[in-house]
Amino acid sequence: MTTSIELFSDMLRSLVALRKYVKIFYMTDLNELLQETSIITAFNSEPAGDFIALSSGNSIPLKRLVTVNGVYAPGHEDYESCLDCRL
């Protein structure tokens, strides 16, 4: 059975191949909600966890992602009401 985390990871890997700009909302270490529009250049699995690398030079851990192109990361669906005005 495929989990929602695996489906979300597969979507991110497909976005790497498409090389299109995507709108990303993510949380910082200080729990700030930030937005960035960039190209996902890589999906990396490391001992510390999975990361996406962006063309802007930023690297974001998957556990900090909230949405990618309007698709909510597993466990962050409750952010929908606060992002409605920002998407």
N, C-alpha and C. Protein backbone atom coordinates (compact mmCIF):
# COMPACT_ATOMS: atom_id res chain seq x y z
N MET A 1 0.83 -1.18 0.00
CA MET A 1 0.00 0.00 0.00
C MET A 1 0.88 1.25 0.00
N THR A 2 0.55 2.18 -0.84
CA THR A 2 1.32 3.41 -0.96
C THR A 2 0.80 4.44 0.05
N THR A 3 1.72 5.05 0.80
CA THR A 3 1.33 6.03 1.80
C THR A 3 1.26 7.42 1.16
N SER A 4 0.64 8.35 1.87
CA SER A 4 0.54 9.72 1.35
C SER A 4 1.91 10.37 1.27
N ILE A 5 2.82 9.98 2.16
CA ILE A 5 4.18 10.53 2.11
C ILE A 5 4.88 10.05 0.84
N GLU A 6 4.71 8.78 0.49
CA GLU A 6 5.32 8.25 -0.73
C GLU A 6 4.73 8.92 -1.97
N LEU A 7 3.41 9.15 -1.98
CA LEU A 7 2.78 9.84 -3.12
C LEU A 7 3.29 11.27 -3.25
N PHE A 8 3.43 11.96 -2.12
CA PHE A 8 3.95 13.33 -2.14
C PHE A 8 5.39 13.35 -2.63
N SER A 9 6.20 12.40 -2.17
CA SER A 9 7.60 12.31 -2.62
C SER A 9 7.68 12.01 -4.11
N ASP A 10 6.81 11.14 -4.60
CA ASP A 10 6.77 10.84 -6.04
C ASP A 10 6.41 12.08 -6.85
N MET A 11 5.47 12.88 -6.35
CA MET A 11 5.10 14.12 -7.03
C MET A 11 6.29 15.07 -7.10
N LEU A 12 7.05 15.17 -6.00
CA LEU A 12 8.23 16.05 -5.99
C LEU A 12 9.28 15.56 -6.99
N ARG A 13 9.48 14.24 -7.06
CA ARG A 13 10.45 13.70 -8.03
C ARG A 13 10.01 14.00 -9.47
N SER A 14 8.71 13.95 -9.72
CA SER A 14 8.24 14.26 -11.08
C SER A 14 8.42 15.75 -11.39
N LEU A 15 8.29 16.61 -10.38
CA LEU A 15 8.53 18.04 -10.60
C LEU A 15 9.99 18.33 -10.90
N VAL A 16 10.90 17.53 -10.35
CA VAL A 16 12.32 17.67 -10.68
C VAL A 16 12.51 17.44 -12.17
N ALA A 17 11.87 16.39 -12.69
CA ALA A 17 12.00 16.05 -14.12
C ALA A 17 11.37 17.11 -15.02
N LEU A 18 10.27 17.73 -14.56
CA LEU A 18 9.58 18.73 -15.38
C LEU A 18 10.33 20.05 -15.48
N ARG A 19 11.12 20.38 -14.45
CA ARG A 19 11.90 21.62 -14.41
C ARG A 19 11.02 22.85 -14.65
N LYS A 20 9.90 22.91 -13.95
CA LYS A 20 8.97 24.04 -14.03
C LYS A 20 9.02 24.81 -12.72
N TYR A 21 8.71 26.10 -12.80
CA TYR A 21 8.59 26.89 -11.58
C TYR A 21 7.38 26.43 -10.79
N VAL A 22 7.57 26.30 -9.48
CA VAL A 22 6.49 25.92 -8.58
C VAL A 22 6.45 26.89 -7.41
N LYS A 23 5.25 27.05 -6.84
CA LYS A 23 5.09 27.89 -5.65
C LYS A 23 5.14 26.98 -4.43
N ILE A 24 6.05 27.31 -3.52
CA ILE A 24 6.30 26.48 -2.35
C ILE A 24 6.07 27.30 -1.09
N PHE A 25 5.31 26.75 -0.15
CA PHE A 25 5.19 27.31 1.18
C PHE A 25 5.88 26.34 2.12
N TYR A 26 6.71 26.87 3.03
CA TYR A 26 7.42 26.01 3.98
C TYR A 26 7.64 26.75 5.29
N MET A 27 7.94 25.98 6.32
CA MET A 27 8.20 26.52 7.65
C MET A 27 9.70 26.58 7.89
N THR A 28 10.15 27.67 8.51
CA THR A 28 11.56 27.80 8.89
C THR A 28 11.78 27.16 10.25
N ASP A 29 13.02 27.17 10.70
CA ASP A 29 13.36 26.66 12.03
C ASP A 29 12.66 27.46 13.13
N LEU A 30 12.31 28.71 12.82
CA LEU A 30 11.64 29.57 13.80
C LEU A 30 10.12 29.54 13.63
N ASN A 31 9.61 28.57 12.87
CA ASN A 31 8.18 28.41 12.59
C ASN A 31 7.57 29.59 11.85
N GLU A 32 8.37 30.22 11.01
CA GLU A 32 7.86 31.25 10.11
C GLU A 32 7.37 30.56 8.85
N LEU A 33 6.25 31.02 8.32
CA LEU A 33 5.74 30.48 7.07
C LEU A 33 6.26 31.35 5.93
N LEU A 34 7.07 30.77 5.07
CA LEU A 34 7.65 31.50 3.94
C LEU A 34 7.15 30.93 2.63
N GLN A 35 7.18 31.78 1.60
CA GLN A 35 6.78 31.38 0.26
C GLN A 35 7.96 31.61 -0.68
N GLU A 36 8.12 30.71 -1.62
CA GLU A 36 9.16 30.86 -2.64
C GLU A 36 8.65 30.26 -3.94
N THR A 37 8.97 30.92 -5.03
CA THR A 37 8.69 30.37 -6.36
C THR A 37 10.03 30.04 -6.98
N SER A 38 10.23 28.78 -7.31
CA SER A 38 11.52 28.32 -7.80
C SER A 38 11.33 27.00 -8.56
N ILE A 39 12.42 26.52 -9.14
CA ILE A 39 12.45 25.22 -9.80
C ILE A 39 13.07 24.21 -8.83
N ILE A 40 12.42 23.07 -8.66
CA ILE A 40 13.00 22.00 -7.84
C ILE A 40 14.02 21.29 -8.71
N THR A 41 15.28 21.36 -8.30
CA THR A 41 16.35 20.79 -9.12
C THR A 41 16.77 19.39 -8.69
N ALA A 42 16.44 19.02 -7.44
CA ALA A 42 16.84 17.68 -6.96
C ALA A 42 15.99 17.27 -5.78
N PHE A 43 15.84 15.97 -5.65
CA PHE A 43 15.20 15.35 -4.49
C PHE A 43 16.29 14.49 -3.86
N ASN A 44 16.72 14.85 -2.66
CA ASN A 44 17.85 14.17 -2.03
C ASN A 44 17.42 13.43 -0.78
N SER A 45 17.88 12.20 -0.65
CA SER A 45 17.67 11.42 0.57
C SER A 45 19.00 11.36 1.31
N GLU A 46 18.99 11.84 2.54
CA GLU A 46 20.19 11.88 3.37
C GLU A 46 19.87 11.26 4.71
N PRO A 47 20.88 10.90 5.49
CA PRO A 47 20.61 10.33 6.82
C PRO A 47 19.74 11.24 7.70
N ALA A 48 19.87 12.54 7.52
CA ALA A 48 19.08 13.49 8.32
C ALA A 48 17.64 13.61 7.82
N GLY A 49 17.34 13.05 6.66
CA GLY A 49 16.00 13.11 6.09
C GLY A 49 16.02 13.50 4.63
N ASP A 50 14.85 13.55 4.01
CA ASP A 50 14.73 13.92 2.60
C ASP A 50 14.66 15.43 2.46
N PHE A 51 15.29 15.93 1.39
CA PHE A 51 15.34 17.36 1.10
C PHE A 51 15.01 17.59 -0.36
N ILE A 52 14.51 18.80 -0.67
CA ILE A 52 14.46 19.23 -2.05
C ILE A 52 15.45 20.37 -2.21
N ALA A 53 16.14 20.39 -3.34
CA ALA A 53 17.06 21.47 -3.67
C ALA A 53 16.37 22.35 -4.71
N LEU A 54 16.50 23.66 -4.54
CA LEU A 54 15.86 24.61 -5.44
C LEU A 54 16.88 25.35 -6.28
N SER A 55 16.44 25.86 -7.43
CA SER A 55 17.34 26.62 -8.31
C SER A 55 17.81 27.90 -7.64
N SER A 56 17.12 28.36 -6.62
CA SER A 56 17.52 29.56 -5.89
C SER A 56 18.71 29.30 -4.98
N GLY A 57 19.05 28.02 -4.79
CA GLY A 57 20.15 27.65 -3.90
C GLY A 57 19.67 27.16 -2.54
N ASN A 58 18.41 27.35 -2.23
CA ASN A 58 17.86 26.88 -0.97
C ASN A 58 17.66 25.37 -0.99
N SER A 59 17.75 24.78 0.17
CA SER A 59 17.47 23.36 0.36
C SER A 59 16.46 23.27 1.49
N ILE A 60 15.33 22.58 1.24
CA ILE A 60 14.25 22.54 2.22
C ILE A 60 13.97 21.08 2.59
N PRO A 61 14.00 20.78 3.89
CA PRO A 61 13.64 19.42 4.32
C PRO A 61 12.16 19.15 4.03
N LEU A 62 11.84 17.95 3.62
CA LEU A 62 10.45 17.59 3.33
C LEU A 62 9.55 17.80 4.53
N LYS A 63 10.06 17.57 5.72
CA LYS A 63 9.23 17.73 6.92
C LYS A 63 8.83 19.18 7.16
N ARG A 64 9.47 20.14 6.48
CA ARG A 64 9.15 21.56 6.63
C ARG A 64 8.23 22.08 5.52
N LEU A 65 8.01 21.27 4.48
CA LEU A 65 7.14 21.70 3.39
C LEU A 65 5.68 21.73 3.86
N VAL A 66 4.96 22.78 3.44
CA VAL A 66 3.54 22.90 3.72
C VAL A 66 2.75 22.61 2.45
N THR A 67 3.06 23.34 1.36
CA THR A 67 2.42 23.06 0.06
C THR A 67 3.44 23.22 -1.06
N VAL A 68 3.19 22.50 -2.13
CA VAL A 68 3.93 22.66 -3.37
C VAL A 68 2.88 22.72 -4.47
N ASN A 69 2.80 23.87 -5.13
CA ASN A 69 1.78 24.11 -6.16
C ASN A 69 0.37 23.79 -5.68
N GLY A 70 0.08 24.14 -4.44
CA GLY A 70 -1.26 23.95 -3.89
C GLY A 70 -1.55 22.56 -3.35
N VAL A 71 -0.60 21.64 -3.46
CA VAL A 71 -0.77 20.29 -2.91
C VAL A 71 -0.16 20.28 -1.51
N TYR A 72 -0.98 19.97 -0.52
CA TYR A 72 -0.52 20.00 0.86
C TYR A 72 0.33 18.78 1.18
N ALA A 73 1.42 19.03 1.89
CA ALA A 73 2.27 17.94 2.36
C ALA A 73 1.51 17.15 3.42
N PRO A 74 1.73 15.85 3.49
CA PRO A 74 1.05 15.05 4.52
C PRO A 74 1.28 15.64 5.91
N GLY A 75 0.18 15.81 6.65
CA GLY A 75 0.26 16.36 7.99
C GLY A 75 0.10 17.87 8.05
N HIS A 76 0.02 18.53 6.90
CA HIS A 76 -0.10 19.99 6.88
C HIS A 76 -1.41 20.46 6.26
N GLU A 77 -2.37 19.57 6.13
CA GLU A 77 -3.65 19.93 5.54
C GLU A 77 -4.39 20.98 6.35
N ASP A 78 -4.09 21.08 7.65
CA ASP A 78 -4.76 22.05 8.51
C ASP A 78 -4.32 23.49 8.24
N TYR A 79 -3.33 23.69 7.39
CA TYR A 79 -2.89 25.04 7.02
C TYR A 79 -3.78 25.65 5.93
N GLU A 80 -4.72 24.88 5.41
CA GLU A 80 -5.54 25.36 4.30
C GLU A 80 -6.23 26.67 4.62
N SER A 81 -6.80 26.81 5.80
CA SER A 81 -7.54 28.04 6.12
C SER A 81 -6.63 29.26 6.20
N CYS A 82 -5.40 29.10 6.66
CA CYS A 82 -4.51 30.26 6.76
C CYS A 82 -3.83 30.58 5.43
N LEU A 83 -3.82 29.64 4.49
CA LEU A 83 -3.19 29.89 3.19
C LEU A 83 -4.18 30.31 2.12
N ASP A 84 -5.48 30.19 2.38
CA ASP A 84 -6.48 30.50 1.36
C ASP A 84 -6.26 31.89 0.75
N CYS A 85 -5.88 32.84 1.56
CA CYS A 85 -5.72 34.20 1.05
C CYS A 85 -4.36 34.40 0.38
N ARG A 86 -3.42 33.47 0.51
CA ARG A 86 -2.07 33.63 -0.02
C ARG A 86 -1.81 32.82 -1.28
N LEU A 87 -2.65 31.83 -1.58
CA LEU A 87 -2.42 30.97 -2.75
C LEU A 87 -2.86 31.62 -4.03
